[in-house]
Amino acid sequence: MDNFLDTAQPRKSSLPQVEKGVLMSSITRTRKVQAAVAISAVAVGVGAYGVYATTLGVTENSGFSAGSNSLTAGCDDSVSTDMFPKWAGADNKWVATTVTVSGIAPACSGKTIIVHALDADKTIINTGTNTVAGVTDEITWNTPHVSANDYKSFAVIIQSAATS
């Protein structure tokens, strides 16, 4: 009996013939593009949350407004929030009447700080405002009887002046 390897004929490939290195170069470029897209997506995702400290003015004209402007970074881009719930016997639930914002840059002193409390659906369930007086600020909620369990995240805005 003949050895199979001795009698086997080489198979012809149905793949197109490419110059050495061309296919590998194409794969490498594709992966680099995919990596760049993934990094950009993460940067946009991270940038979508956080502290916003800039202003864009748009003037109303005939009931419709549009505009554009160059925006620059504000006085801070990273703060921390802490909330300390207390038992409210009359309400029969844990509530938080304030939120503490810390790590505020000294450049924000005198500006208005607005904190929105968000539920799991990112709906605003409470708001508090104050004037920044230091690197740590305690903000009192407008509605003090919201269940502490409903608070899931916070949006912090530091701006030059309160707007309506």
C-alpha atoms as a PDB file:
ATOM      1  CA  MET A   1       0.000   0.000   0.000  1.00  0.00           C
ATOM      2  CA  ASP A   2       1.307   3.390  -0.990  1.00  0.00           C
ATOM      3  CA  ASN A   3       1.838   6.107   1.555  1.00  0.00           C
ATOM      4  CA  PHE A   4      -1.005   8.672   1.241  1.00  0.00           C
ATOM      5  CA  LEU A   5       1.373  11.599   1.503  1.00  0.00           C
ATOM      6  CA  ASP A   6       3.421  10.292  -1.404  1.00  0.00           C
ATOM      7  CA  THR A   7       0.429  10.094  -3.760  1.00  0.00           C
ATOM      8  CA  ALA A   8      -1.506  13.200  -2.710  1.00  0.00           C
ATOM      9  CA  GLN A   9      -1.643  15.932  -5.319  1.00  0.00           C
ATOM     10  CA  PRO A  10      -1.364  19.553  -4.222  1.00  0.00           C
ATOM     11  CA  ARG A  11      -4.726  21.288  -4.107  1.00  0.00           C
ATOM     12  CA  LYS A  12      -5.353  24.411  -6.073  1.00  0.00           C
ATOM     13  CA  SER A  13      -6.603  27.329  -4.027  1.00  0.00           C
ATOM     14  CA  SER A  14      -9.685  29.255  -5.108  1.00  0.00           C
ATOM     15  CA  LEU A  15      -8.380  32.311  -3.237  1.00  0.00           C
ATOM     16  CA  PRO A  16      -7.062  35.167  -5.355  1.00  0.00           C
ATOM     17  CA  GLN A  17      -3.314  35.408  -5.585  1.00  0.00           C
ATOM     18  CA  VAL A  18      -1.952  38.462  -3.795  1.00  0.00           C
ATOM     19  CA  GLU A  19       1.444  39.947  -3.584  1.00  0.00           C
ATOM     20  CA  LYS A  20       3.350  38.998  -0.468  1.00  0.00           C
ATOM     21  CA  GLY A  21       2.557  41.509   2.312  1.00  0.00           C
ATOM     22  CA  VAL A  22      -0.415  43.183   0.579  1.00  0.00           C
ATOM     23  CA  LEU A  23      -3.101  41.116   2.329  1.00  0.00           C
ATOM     24  CA  MET A  24      -1.391  41.464   5.737  1.00  0.00           C
ATOM     25  CA  SER A  25      -1.062  45.221   5.227  1.00  0.00           C
ATOM     26  CA  SER A  26      -4.783  45.476   4.456  1.00  0.00           C
ATOM     27  CA  ILE A  27      -5.699  43.492   7.591  1.00  0.00           C
ATOM     28  CA  THR A  28      -3.387  45.629   9.732  1.00  0.00           C
ATOM     29  CA  ARG A  29      -4.908  48.856   8.376  1.00  0.00           C
ATOM     30  CA  THR A  30      -8.430  47.530   8.991  1.00  0.00           C
ATOM     31  CA  ARG A  31      -7.592  46.691  12.597  1.00  0.00           C
ATOM     32  CA  LYS A  32      -5.999  50.080  13.152  1.00  0.00           C
ATOM     33  CA  VAL A  33      -9.146  51.782  11.827  1.00  0.00           C
ATOM     34  CA  GLN A  34     -11.343  49.571  14.041  1.00  0.00           C
ATOM     35  CA  ALA A  35      -9.200  50.424  17.077  1.00  0.00           C
ATOM     36  CA  ALA A  36      -9.368  54.150  16.293  1.00  0.00           C
ATOM     37  CA  VAL A  37     -13.162  53.979  15.922  1.00  0.00           C
ATOM     38  CA  ALA A  38     -13.477  52.101  19.230  1.00  0.00           C
ATOM     39  CA  ILE A  39     -11.248  54.605  21.064  1.00  0.00           C
ATOM     40  CA  SER A  40     -13.230  57.512  19.594  1.00  0.00           C
ATOM     41  CA  ALA A  41     -16.525  55.915  20.668  1.00  0.00           C
ATOM     42  CA  VAL A  42     -15.245  55.507  24.229  1.00  0.00           C
ATOM     43  CA  ALA A  43     -14.022  59.105  24.312  1.00  0.00           C
ATOM     44  CA  VAL A  44     -17.421  60.372  23.137  1.00  0.00           C
ATOM     45  CA  GLY A  45     -19.216  58.129  25.654  1.00  0.00           C
ATOM     46  CA  VAL A  46     -17.055  59.314  28.534  1.00  0.00           C
ATOM     47  CA  GLY A  47     -17.360  62.931  27.442  1.00  0.00           C
ATOM     48  CA  ALA A  48     -21.151  62.713  27.368  1.00  0.00           C
ATOM     49  CA  TYR A  49     -21.326  62.544  31.158  1.00  0.00           C
ATOM     50  CA  GLY A  50     -19.682  64.787  33.679  1.00  0.00           C
ATOM     51  CA  VAL A  51     -19.321  68.422  34.535  1.00  0.00           C
ATOM     52  CA  TYR A  52     -20.181  71.078  32.005  1.00  0.00           C
ATOM     53  CA  ALA A  53     -18.886  74.575  32.619  1.00  0.00           C
ATOM     54  CA  THR A  54     -19.335  76.563  29.442  1.00  0.00           C
ATOM     55  CA  THR A  55     -22.011  78.741  27.871  1.00  0.00           C
ATOM     56  CA  LEU A  56     -23.555  78.971  24.399  1.00  0.00           C
ATOM     57  CA  GLY A  57     -25.676  82.027  23.737  1.00  0.00           C
ATOM     58  CA  VAL A  58     -28.432  81.828  21.126  1.00  0.00           C
ATOM     59  CA  THR A  59     -30.738  84.773  20.407  1.00  0.00           C
ATOM     60  CA  GLU A  60     -34.416  84.100  19.667  1.00  0.00           C
ATOM     61  CA  ASN A  61     -35.636  85.414  16.349  1.00  0.00           C
ATOM     62  CA  SER A  62     -39.264  84.985  15.201  1.00  0.00           C
ATOM     63  CA  GLY A  63     -39.985  82.107  17.577  1.00  0.00           C
ATOM     64  CA  PHE A  64     -37.152  79.918  16.267  1.00  0.00           C
ATOM     65  CA  SER A  65     -33.557  80.012  17.420  1.00  0.00           C
ATOM     66  CA  ALA A  66     -30.374  78.666  15.948  1.00  0.00           C
ATOM     67  CA  GLY A  67     -26.759  79.560  16.270  1.00  0.00           C
ATOM     68  CA  SER A  68     -23.217  78.425  16.683  1.00  0.00           C
ATOM     69  CA  ASN A  69     -20.234  79.538  18.651  1.00  0.00           C
ATOM     70  CA  SER A  70     -16.790  78.322  19.655  1.00  0.00           C
ATOM     71  CA  LEU A  71     -16.914  76.848  23.128  1.00  0.00           C
ATOM     72  CA  THR A  72     -14.012  76.608  25.506  1.00  0.00           C
ATOM     73  CA  ALA A  73     -13.615  74.440  28.561  1.00  0.00           C
ATOM     74  CA  GLY A  74     -14.978  75.937  31.745  1.00  0.00           C
ATOM     75  CA  CYS A  75     -13.515  76.209  35.200  1.00  0.00           C
ATOM     76  CA  ASP A  76     -13.650  72.458  36.049  1.00  0.00           C
ATOM     77  CA  ASP A  77     -14.197  69.141  34.318  1.00  0.00           C
ATOM     78  CA  SER A  78     -14.173  66.681  37.211  1.00  0.00           C
ATOM     79  CA  VAL A  79     -15.955  66.781  40.570  1.00  0.00           C
ATOM     80  CA  SER A  80     -17.276  64.192  43.028  1.00  0.00           C
ATOM     81  CA  THR A  81     -20.748  63.918  44.546  1.00  0.00           C
ATOM     82  CA  ASP A  82     -21.831  62.360  47.843  1.00  0.00           C
ATOM     83  CA  MET A  83     -25.289  62.011  49.289  1.00  0.00           C
ATOM     84  CA  PHE A  84     -26.053  61.015  52.870  1.00  0.00           C
ATOM     85  CA  PRO A  85     -29.656  59.764  53.242  1.00  0.00           C
ATOM     86  CA  LYS A  86     -31.499  60.092  56.554  1.00  0.00           C
ATOM     87  CA  TRP A  87     -34.530  58.211  57.810  1.00  0.00           C
ATOM     88  CA  ALA A  88     -37.654  60.339  57.544  1.00  0.00           C
ATOM     89  CA  GLY A  89     -40.124  58.719  59.927  1.00  0.00           C
ATOM     90  CA  ALA A  90     -42.998  60.936  58.805  1.00  0.00           C
ATOM     91  CA  ASP A  91     -42.416  59.860  55.190  1.00  0.00           C
ATOM     92  CA  ASN A  92     -41.549  56.291  56.218  1.00  0.00           C
ATOM     93  CA  LYS A  93     -38.530  56.214  53.864  1.00  0.00           C
ATOM     94  CA  TRP A  94     -34.894  57.206  53.471  1.00  0.00           C
ATOM     95  CA  VAL A  95     -34.567  60.694  51.978  1.00  0.00           C
ATOM     96  CA  ALA A  96     -31.709  63.011  51.113  1.00  0.00           C
ATOM     97  CA  THR A  97     -32.151  66.726  51.546  1.00  0.00           C
ATOM     98  CA  THR A  98     -28.688  67.695  50.254  1.00  0.00           C
ATOM     99  CA  VAL A  99     -25.876  66.539  47.986  1.00  0.00           C
ATOM    100  CA  THR A 100     -22.235  67.391  48.589  1.00  0.00           C
ATOM    101  CA  VAL A 101     -20.091  68.323  45.586  1.00  0.00           C
ATOM    102  CA  SER A 102     -16.342  68.205  46.200  1.00  0.00           C
ATOM    103  CA  GLY A 103     -13.187  68.679  44.187  1.00  0.00           C
ATOM    104  CA  ILE A 104     -14.426  71.967  42.708  1.00  0.00           C
ATOM    105  CA  ALA A 105     -11.620  73.992  41.127  1.00  0.00           C
ATOM    106  CA  PRO A 106     -10.907  77.346  42.827  1.00  0.00           C
ATOM    107  CA  ALA A 107     -11.474  79.027  39.433  1.00  0.00           C
ATOM    108  CA  CYS A 108     -15.198  78.211  39.831  1.00  0.00           C
ATOM    109  CA  SER A 109     -15.589  80.365  42.950  1.00  0.00           C
ATOM    110  CA  GLY A 110     -18.552  82.742  42.649  1.00  0.00           C
ATOM    111  CA  LYS A 111     -20.166  80.825  39.778  1.00  0.00           C
ATOM    112  CA  THR A 112     -23.556  79.115  39.944  1.00  0.00           C
ATOM    113  CA  ILE A 113     -23.548  75.357  40.524  1.00  0.00           C
ATOM    114  CA  ILE A 114     -26.600  73.348  39.480  1.00  0.00           C
ATOM    115  CA  VAL A 115     -26.977  69.677  40.372  1.00  0.00           C
ATOM    116  CA  HIS A 116     -29.659  67.512  38.782  1.00  0.00           C
ATOM    117  CA  ALA A 117     -30.471  64.161  40.387  1.00  0.00           C
ATOM    118  CA  LEU A 118     -31.315  61.503  37.819  1.00  0.00           C
ATOM    119  CA  ASP A 119     -33.245  58.262  38.181  1.00  0.00           C
ATOM    120  CA  ALA A 120     -32.421  54.989  36.388  1.00  0.00           C
ATOM    121  CA  ASP A 121     -34.034  56.307  33.162  1.00  0.00           C
ATOM    122  CA  LYS A 122     -31.868  59.475  33.324  1.00  0.00           C
ATOM    123  CA  THR A 123     -34.959  61.574  34.097  1.00  0.00           C
ATOM    124  CA  ILE A 124     -34.373  64.590  36.357  1.00  0.00           C
ATOM    125  CA  ILE A 125     -36.098  63.894  39.670  1.00  0.00           C
ATOM    126  CA  ASN A 126     -34.619  66.708  41.759  1.00  0.00           C
ATOM    127  CA  THR A 127     -32.552  69.866  41.333  1.00  0.00           C
ATOM    128  CA  GLY A 128     -30.536  72.105  43.604  1.00  0.00           C
ATOM    129  CA  THR A 129     -28.519  75.278  43.000  1.00  0.00           C
ATOM    130  CA  ASN A 130     -26.000  77.318  44.933  1.00  0.00           C
ATOM    131  CA  THR A 131     -23.141  79.768  44.445  1.00  0.00           C
ATOM    132  CA  VAL A 132     -19.730  78.116  44.589  1.00  0.00           C
ATOM    133  CA  ALA A 133     -17.872  79.326  47.658  1.00  0.00           C
ATOM    134  CA  GLY A 134     -15.048  76.790  47.916  1.00  0.00           C
ATOM    135  CA  VAL A 135     -13.720  73.443  46.763  1.00  0.00           C
ATOM    136  CA  THR A 136     -16.606  71.647  48.530  1.00  0.00           C
ATOM    137  CA  ASP A 137     -20.206  72.780  48.380  1.00  0.00           C
ATOM    138  CA  GLU A 138     -23.406  71.427  49.901  1.00  0.00           C
ATOM    139  CA  ILE A 139     -26.447  71.785  47.641  1.00  0.00           C
ATOM    140  CA  THR A 140     -29.979  71.636  49.074  1.00  0.00           C
ATOM    141  CA  TRP A 141     -32.527  69.797  46.943  1.00  0.00           C
ATOM    142  CA  ASN A 142     -35.623  71.740  45.848  1.00  0.00           C
ATOM    143  CA  THR A 143     -37.824  68.729  46.735  1.00  0.00           C
ATOM    144  CA  PRO A 144     -36.551  67.222  50.006  1.00  0.00           C
ATOM    145  CA  HIS A 145     -38.915  64.221  50.218  1.00  0.00           C
ATOM    146  CA  VAL A 146     -37.746  62.171  47.223  1.00  0.00           C
ATOM    147  CA  SER A 147     -36.814  58.611  48.205  1.00  0.00           C
ATOM    148  CA  ALA A 148     -33.039  58.177  48.358  1.00  0.00           C
ATOM    149  CA  ASN A 149     -33.457  54.877  46.488  1.00  0.00           C
ATOM    150  CA  ASP A 150     -34.598  56.793  43.387  1.00  0.00           C
ATOM    151  CA  TYR A 151     -31.298  58.686  42.995  1.00  0.00           C
ATOM    152  CA  LYS A 152     -29.030  56.863  40.522  1.00  0.00           C
ATOM    153  CA  SER A 153     -26.680  59.554  39.173  1.00  0.00           C
ATOM    154  CA  PHE A 154     -26.044  63.289  39.142  1.00  0.00           C
ATOM    155  CA  ALA A 155     -25.444  65.908  36.443  1.00  0.00           C
ATOM    156  CA  VAL A 156     -23.353  68.832  37.682  1.00  0.00           C
ATOM    157  CA  ILE A 157     -23.278  72.147  35.817  1.00  0.00           C
ATOM    158  CA  ILE A 158     -21.111  75.093  36.828  1.00  0.00           C
ATOM    159  CA  GLN A 159     -21.849  78.321  34.967  1.00  0.00           C
ATOM    160  CA  SER A 160     -21.272  82.061  35.169  1.00  0.00           C
ATOM    161  CA  ALA A 161     -24.889  82.956  35.900  1.00  0.00           C
ATOM    162  CA  ALA A 162     -28.169  81.124  36.399  1.00  0.00           C
ATOM    163  CA  THR A 163     -30.421  81.033  33.362  1.00  0.00           C
ATOM    164  CA  SER A 164     -34.142  80.513  33.192  1.00  0.00           C
END
